[in-house]
Amino acid sequence: MGKAVPKNLKSRASILIKEFPDKFTIDFDKNKQFLNSLQLPFTNEVRNLIAGYITRKVKQKHAS
């Protein structure tokens, strides 16, 4: 089981998904690299949590 993602990180991830809907894929590493390229002030742990959450959301979208 993974870590629980806090609400504030979920809301940030939702904003990023809305702003860049075509940039995120089902690949965690690509999402992480894209977040790095945005130059946002995230720590490595926060960036990984957001990238993982975005990856799950994109996979859910593709499944439905």
N, C-alpha and C. Protein backbone atom coordinates (compact mmCIF):
# COMPACT_ATOMS: atom_id res chain seq x y z
N MET A 1 0.84 -1.18 0.00
CA MET A 1 0.00 0.00 0.00
C MET A 1 0.89 1.24 0.00
N GLY A 2 0.43 2.24 -0.70
CA GLY A 2 1.18 3.47 -0.78
C GLY A 2 0.77 4.47 0.27
N LYS A 3 1.37 5.62 0.20
CA LYS A 3 1.04 6.70 1.12
C LYS A 3 -0.28 7.34 0.73
N ALA A 4 -0.96 7.87 1.71
CA ALA A 4 -2.16 8.66 1.44
C ALA A 4 -1.73 10.04 0.94
N VAL A 5 -2.43 10.55 -0.03
CA VAL A 5 -2.10 11.85 -0.61
C VAL A 5 -2.96 12.92 0.07
N PRO A 6 -2.35 13.92 0.69
CA PRO A 6 -3.11 14.99 1.36
C PRO A 6 -3.97 15.79 0.40
N LYS A 7 -5.01 16.39 0.94
CA LYS A 7 -5.96 17.16 0.12
C LYS A 7 -5.30 18.30 -0.63
N ASN A 8 -4.36 18.99 0.03
CA ASN A 8 -3.74 20.13 -0.64
C ASN A 8 -2.93 19.70 -1.87
N LEU A 9 -2.34 18.51 -1.83
CA LEU A 9 -1.61 18.02 -2.99
C LEU A 9 -2.57 17.54 -4.08
N LYS A 10 -3.71 16.98 -3.67
CA LYS A 10 -4.71 16.57 -4.65
C LYS A 10 -5.26 17.77 -5.40
N SER A 11 -5.47 18.87 -4.68
CA SER A 11 -6.00 20.06 -5.34
C SER A 11 -4.97 20.66 -6.29
N ARG A 12 -3.70 20.65 -5.90
CA ARG A 12 -2.65 21.13 -6.81
C ARG A 12 -2.57 20.27 -8.05
N ALA A 13 -2.69 18.96 -7.86
CA ALA A 13 -2.64 18.03 -8.99
C ALA A 13 -3.82 18.26 -9.92
N SER A 14 -5.00 18.51 -9.36
CA SER A 14 -6.18 18.76 -10.18
C SER A 14 -6.01 20.01 -11.02
N ILE A 15 -5.43 21.04 -10.43
CA ILE A 15 -5.17 22.28 -11.16
C ILE A 15 -4.20 22.02 -12.31
N LEU A 16 -3.15 21.25 -12.04
CA LEU A 16 -2.17 20.94 -13.09
C LEU A 16 -2.79 20.11 -14.21
N ILE A 17 -3.68 19.18 -13.86
CA ILE A 17 -4.34 18.36 -14.88
C ILE A 17 -5.22 19.23 -15.76
N LYS A 18 -5.90 20.20 -15.15
CA LYS A 18 -6.76 21.10 -15.93
C LYS A 18 -5.94 22.02 -16.84
N GLU A 19 -4.79 22.49 -16.35
CA GLU A 19 -3.97 23.41 -17.13
C GLU A 19 -3.22 22.72 -18.26
N PHE A 20 -2.79 21.47 -18.02
CA PHE A 20 -1.99 20.73 -19.01
C PHE A 20 -2.60 19.36 -19.25
N PRO A 21 -3.81 19.29 -19.82
CA PRO A 21 -4.49 17.99 -19.95
C PRO A 21 -3.79 17.03 -20.91
N ASP A 22 -3.08 17.55 -21.91
CA ASP A 22 -2.45 16.67 -22.89
C ASP A 22 -1.00 16.34 -22.55
N LYS A 23 -0.46 16.89 -21.50
CA LYS A 23 0.95 16.67 -21.16
C LYS A 23 1.16 15.47 -20.25
N PHE A 24 0.13 15.04 -19.53
CA PHE A 24 0.29 13.94 -18.58
C PHE A 24 -0.13 12.62 -19.21
N THR A 25 0.63 11.56 -18.91
CA THR A 25 0.37 10.24 -19.46
C THR A 25 0.21 9.23 -18.33
N ILE A 26 0.12 7.95 -18.69
CA ILE A 26 0.01 6.91 -17.67
C ILE A 26 1.39 6.45 -17.19
N ASP A 27 2.45 7.13 -17.64
CA ASP A 27 3.81 6.80 -17.24
C ASP A 27 4.26 7.75 -16.13
N PHE A 28 4.53 7.18 -14.96
CA PHE A 28 4.92 7.96 -13.78
C PHE A 28 6.19 8.77 -14.04
N ASP A 29 7.19 8.15 -14.65
CA ASP A 29 8.47 8.84 -14.86
C ASP A 29 8.33 10.04 -15.79
N LYS A 30 7.52 9.91 -16.83
CA LYS A 30 7.30 11.04 -17.74
C LYS A 30 6.57 12.18 -17.03
N ASN A 31 5.61 11.82 -16.19
CA ASN A 31 4.88 12.85 -15.43
C ASN A 31 5.83 13.56 -14.46
N LYS A 32 6.71 12.79 -13.84
CA LYS A 32 7.67 13.37 -12.90
C LYS A 32 8.62 14.32 -13.63
N GLN A 33 9.09 13.91 -14.81
CA GLN A 33 9.98 14.77 -15.61
C GLN A 33 9.27 16.05 -16.03
N PHE A 34 8.00 15.93 -16.41
CA PHE A 34 7.25 17.13 -16.81
C PHE A 34 7.10 18.08 -15.63
N LEU A 35 6.81 17.55 -14.44
CA LEU A 35 6.70 18.41 -13.26
C LEU A 35 8.03 19.10 -12.97
N ASN A 36 9.14 18.40 -13.18
CA ASN A 36 10.46 19.02 -13.01
C ASN A 36 10.66 20.16 -14.00
N SER A 37 10.19 19.98 -15.23
CA SER A 37 10.39 21.00 -16.25
C SER A 37 9.58 22.28 -15.98
N LEU A 38 8.54 22.17 -15.16
CA LEU A 38 7.73 23.34 -14.83
C LEU A 38 8.42 24.27 -13.83
N GLN A 39 9.49 23.79 -13.20
CA GLN A 39 10.26 24.58 -12.24
C GLN A 39 9.40 25.07 -11.06
N LEU A 40 8.52 24.22 -10.59
CA LEU A 40 7.70 24.55 -9.43
C LEU A 40 8.48 24.24 -8.15
N PRO A 41 8.24 24.97 -7.09
CA PRO A 41 9.03 24.77 -5.86
C PRO A 41 8.56 23.57 -5.04
N PHE A 42 8.62 22.37 -5.62
CA PHE A 42 8.23 21.15 -4.92
C PHE A 42 9.47 20.41 -4.43
N THR A 43 9.36 19.80 -3.26
CA THR A 43 10.42 18.90 -2.83
C THR A 43 10.29 17.61 -3.63
N ASN A 44 11.30 16.76 -3.56
CA ASN A 44 11.25 15.50 -4.31
C ASN A 44 10.07 14.64 -3.86
N GLU A 45 9.81 14.59 -2.56
CA GLU A 45 8.72 13.78 -2.04
C GLU A 45 7.36 14.30 -2.53
N VAL A 46 7.17 15.61 -2.47
CA VAL A 46 5.91 16.21 -2.91
C VAL A 46 5.73 16.01 -4.42
N ARG A 47 6.80 16.21 -5.17
CA ARG A 47 6.72 16.02 -6.62
C ARG A 47 6.33 14.58 -6.96
N ASN A 48 6.92 13.62 -6.25
CA ASN A 48 6.60 12.22 -6.51
C ASN A 48 5.16 11.89 -6.13
N LEU A 49 4.67 12.44 -5.03
CA LEU A 49 3.28 12.21 -4.63
C LEU A 49 2.32 12.78 -5.66
N ILE A 50 2.60 13.98 -6.14
CA ILE A 50 1.73 14.61 -7.14
C ILE A 50 1.79 13.83 -8.45
N ALA A 51 2.99 13.44 -8.87
CA ALA A 51 3.13 12.68 -10.12
C ALA A 51 2.39 11.34 -10.03
N GLY A 52 2.49 10.68 -8.89
CA GLY A 52 1.79 9.42 -8.70
C GLY A 52 0.28 9.59 -8.71
N TYR A 53 -0.20 10.64 -8.07
CA TYR A 53 -1.63 10.90 -8.03
C TYR A 53 -2.15 11.22 -9.43
N ILE A 54 -1.40 12.04 -10.17
CA ILE A 54 -1.79 12.38 -11.54
C ILE A 54 -1.80 11.12 -12.41
N THR A 55 -0.82 10.26 -12.24
CA THR A 55 -0.76 9.02 -13.01
C THR A 55 -1.99 8.16 -12.75
N ARG A 56 -2.39 8.05 -11.48
CA ARG A 56 -3.60 7.28 -11.15
C ARG A 56 -4.84 7.89 -11.78
N LYS A 57 -4.96 9.21 -11.73
CA LYS A 57 -6.13 9.88 -12.30
C LYS A 57 -6.20 9.69 -13.81
N VAL A 58 -5.05 9.78 -14.49
CA VAL A 58 -5.03 9.59 -15.94
C VAL A 58 -5.40 8.14 -16.30
N LYS A 59 -4.91 7.19 -15.52
CA LYS A 59 -5.25 5.79 -15.76
C LYS A 59 -6.75 5.56 -15.57
N GLN A 60 -7.33 6.20 -14.55
CA GLN A 60 -8.77 6.07 -14.31
C GLN A 60 -9.56 6.65 -15.48
N LYS A 61 -9.09 7.77 -16.04
CA LYS A 61 -9.75 8.39 -17.17
C LYS A 61 -9.73 7.48 -18.39
N HIS A 62 -8.56 6.84 -18.63
CA HIS A 62 -8.43 5.96 -19.79
C HIS A 62 -9.25 4.68 -19.62
N ALA A 63 -9.45 4.24 -18.40
CA ALA A 63 -10.19 3.01 -18.15
C ALA A 63 -11.69 3.20 -18.40
N SER A 64 -12.18 4.40 -18.17
CA SER A 64 -13.62 4.62 -18.34
C SER A 64 -14.01 5.09 -19.72
